[in-house]
Amino acid sequence: MILEKSPQKFVSKSEMDGSNLKISKDFGNWARANGMHTMNLSSIFCDGFSFTRFSGGDWLYTDESHLSISGAALAIPLFESVFQKLELLS
């Protein structure tokens, strides 16, 4: 299969905010209203100006919004920290 267009390795913060921010906020509000927790992973992938989708020779996303195994691995420390605070890990 030949891709017509290569995926972007970096996306501007404003572009990501424009496409995902409202959906993310709406989902977060719904989750909290229903007793659920959400996590914002932006700090892992964003330097304040752009989001990286590629690092260390690996793609961090499998598509526009789903983490690859490499991307998910970067999120593990954040998940562990939150789970410890919620006393889900011993």
C-alpha atoms as a PDB file:
ATOM      1  CA  MET A   1       0.000   0.000   0.000  1.00  0.00           C
ATOM      2  CA  ILE A   2       1.320   3.434  -0.926  1.00  0.00           C
ATOM      3  CA  LEU A   3       0.211   6.363   1.187  1.00  0.00           C
ATOM      4  CA  GLU A   4      -0.742   9.465  -0.763  1.00  0.00           C
ATOM      5  CA  LYS A   5       0.392  11.694   2.081  1.00  0.00           C
ATOM      6  CA  SER A   6       2.820  10.907   4.890  1.00  0.00           C
ATOM      7  CA  PRO A   7       1.456  11.542   8.380  1.00  0.00           C
ATOM      8  CA  GLN A   8       2.781  14.608  10.156  1.00  0.00           C
ATOM      9  CA  LYS A   9       5.416  13.936  12.799  1.00  0.00           C
ATOM     10  CA  PHE A  10       4.543  17.176  14.597  1.00  0.00           C
ATOM     11  CA  VAL A  11       1.229  19.031  14.826  1.00  0.00           C
ATOM     12  CA  SER A  12       0.829  22.565  16.144  1.00  0.00           C
ATOM     13  CA  LYS A  13      -0.884  22.958  19.502  1.00  0.00           C
ATOM     14  CA  SER A  14      -3.467  25.264  17.925  1.00  0.00           C
ATOM     15  CA  GLU A  15      -4.305  22.622  15.297  1.00  0.00           C
ATOM     16  CA  MET A  16      -4.701  19.918  17.955  1.00  0.00           C
ATOM     17  CA  ASP A  17      -6.753  22.221  20.180  1.00  0.00           C
ATOM     18  CA  GLY A  18      -8.978  23.130  17.256  1.00  0.00           C
ATOM     19  CA  SER A  19      -9.781  19.539  16.400  1.00  0.00           C
ATOM     20  CA  ASN A  20      -9.885  17.912  19.840  1.00  0.00           C
ATOM     21  CA  LEU A  21     -10.289  20.430  22.662  1.00  0.00           C
ATOM     22  CA  LYS A  22     -14.093  20.757  22.650  1.00  0.00           C
ATOM     23  CA  ILE A  23     -14.638  16.999  22.383  1.00  0.00           C
ATOM     24  CA  SER A  24     -12.135  16.381  25.167  1.00  0.00           C
ATOM     25  CA  LYS A  25     -13.742  18.951  27.477  1.00  0.00           C
ATOM     26  CA  ASP A  26     -17.261  17.673  26.768  1.00  0.00           C
ATOM     27  CA  PHE A  27     -16.238  14.078  27.441  1.00  0.00           C
ATOM     28  CA  GLY A  28     -14.391  15.070  30.627  1.00  0.00           C
ATOM     29  CA  ASN A  29     -17.424  16.957  31.913  1.00  0.00           C
ATOM     30  CA  TRP A  30     -19.711  14.008  31.123  1.00  0.00           C
ATOM     31  CA  ALA A  31     -17.332  11.550  32.812  1.00  0.00           C
ATOM     32  CA  ARG A  32     -17.043  13.640  35.994  1.00  0.00           C
ATOM     33  CA  ALA A  33     -20.822  14.060  36.121  1.00  0.00           C
ATOM     34  CA  ASN A  34     -21.052  10.258  36.023  1.00  0.00           C
ATOM     35  CA  GLY A  35     -18.435   9.622  38.717  1.00  0.00           C
ATOM     36  CA  MET A  36     -15.541   8.780  36.392  1.00  0.00           C
ATOM     37  CA  HIS A  37     -11.992  10.088  36.193  1.00  0.00           C
ATOM     38  CA  THR A  38     -10.252  11.243  33.030  1.00  0.00           C
ATOM     39  CA  MET A  39      -6.597  11.970  32.336  1.00  0.00           C
ATOM     40  CA  ASN A  40      -5.067  14.596  30.079  1.00  0.00           C
ATOM     41  CA  LEU A  41      -1.969  13.149  28.402  1.00  0.00           C
ATOM     42  CA  SER A  42      -1.023  16.382  26.619  1.00  0.00           C
ATOM     43  CA  SER A  43       1.985  17.036  28.845  1.00  0.00           C
ATOM     44  CA  ILE A  44       3.600  13.838  27.558  1.00  0.00           C
ATOM     45  CA  PHE A  45       3.294  14.749  23.889  1.00  0.00           C
ATOM     46  CA  CYS A  46       3.181  18.566  23.845  1.00  0.00           C
ATOM     47  CA  ASP A  47       5.984  21.015  24.513  1.00  0.00           C
ATOM     48  CA  GLY A  48       3.534  23.923  24.680  1.00  0.00           C
ATOM     49  CA  PHE A  49       3.828  24.736  20.980  1.00  0.00           C
ATOM     50  CA  SER A  50       3.481  21.435  19.137  1.00  0.00           C
ATOM     51  CA  PHE A  51       2.446  17.849  19.693  1.00  0.00           C
ATOM     52  CA  THR A  52       4.861  15.140  18.623  1.00  0.00           C
ATOM     53  CA  ARG A  53       3.583  12.015  16.941  1.00  0.00           C
ATOM     54  CA  PHE A  54       7.045  10.551  16.312  1.00  0.00           C
ATOM     55  CA  SER A  55       9.941  10.110  18.724  1.00  0.00           C
ATOM     56  CA  GLY A  56      13.039   7.949  18.960  1.00  0.00           C
ATOM     57  CA  GLY A  57      12.347   6.345  15.597  1.00  0.00           C
ATOM     58  CA  ASP A  58       8.819   5.261  16.592  1.00  0.00           C
ATOM     59  CA  TRP A  59       5.358   6.538  15.773  1.00  0.00           C
ATOM     60  CA  LEU A  60       3.474   7.493  18.949  1.00  0.00           C
ATOM     61  CA  TYR A  61       0.043   7.327  17.324  1.00  0.00           C
ATOM     62  CA  THR A  62      -1.530   4.724  15.046  1.00  0.00           C
ATOM     63  CA  ASP A  63      -3.827   7.350  13.509  1.00  0.00           C
ATOM     64  CA  GLU A  64      -5.063  10.860  14.309  1.00  0.00           C
ATOM     65  CA  SER A  65      -6.058  10.081  17.903  1.00  0.00           C
ATOM     66  CA  HIS A  66      -5.073   6.562  19.014  1.00  0.00           C
ATOM     67  CA  LEU A  67      -1.776   5.839  20.743  1.00  0.00           C
ATOM     68  CA  SER A  68       0.600   3.236  19.393  1.00  0.00           C
ATOM     69  CA  ILE A  69       2.338   0.802  21.731  1.00  0.00           C
ATOM     70  CA  SER A  70       5.289   3.216  21.900  1.00  0.00           C
ATOM     71  CA  GLY A  71       2.983   6.144  22.675  1.00  0.00           C
ATOM     72  CA  ALA A  72       1.097   4.187  25.321  1.00  0.00           C
ATOM     73  CA  ALA A  73       4.390   3.181  26.942  1.00  0.00           C
ATOM     74  CA  LEU A  74       5.189   6.869  27.468  1.00  0.00           C
ATOM     75  CA  ALA A  75       1.912   7.248  29.388  1.00  0.00           C
ATOM     76  CA  ILE A  76       2.549   4.394  31.845  1.00  0.00           C
ATOM     77  CA  PRO A  77       4.304   6.551  34.501  1.00  0.00           C
ATOM     78  CA  LEU A  78       1.391   9.017  34.487  1.00  0.00           C
ATOM     79  CA  PHE A  79      -1.136   6.200  34.846  1.00  0.00           C
ATOM     80  CA  GLU A  80       0.878   4.637  37.684  1.00  0.00           C
ATOM     81  CA  SER A  81       1.009   7.975  39.503  1.00  0.00           C
ATOM     82  CA  VAL A  82      -2.742   8.501  39.222  1.00  0.00           C
ATOM     83  CA  PHE A  83      -3.521   4.914  40.216  1.00  0.00           C
ATOM     84  CA  GLN A  84      -1.298   5.256  43.299  1.00  0.00           C
ATOM     85  CA  LYS A  85      -3.122   8.456  44.287  1.00  0.00           C
ATOM     86  CA  LEU A  86      -6.426   6.621  43.879  1.00  0.00           C
ATOM     87  CA  GLU A  87      -4.923   3.744  45.894  1.00  0.00           C
ATOM     88  CA  LEU A  88      -5.468   1.286  43.035  1.00  0.00           C
ATOM     89  CA  LEU A  89      -1.824   0.177  43.172  1.00  0.00           C
ATOM     90  CA  SER A  90      -0.085  -0.979  46.319  1.00  0.00           C
END
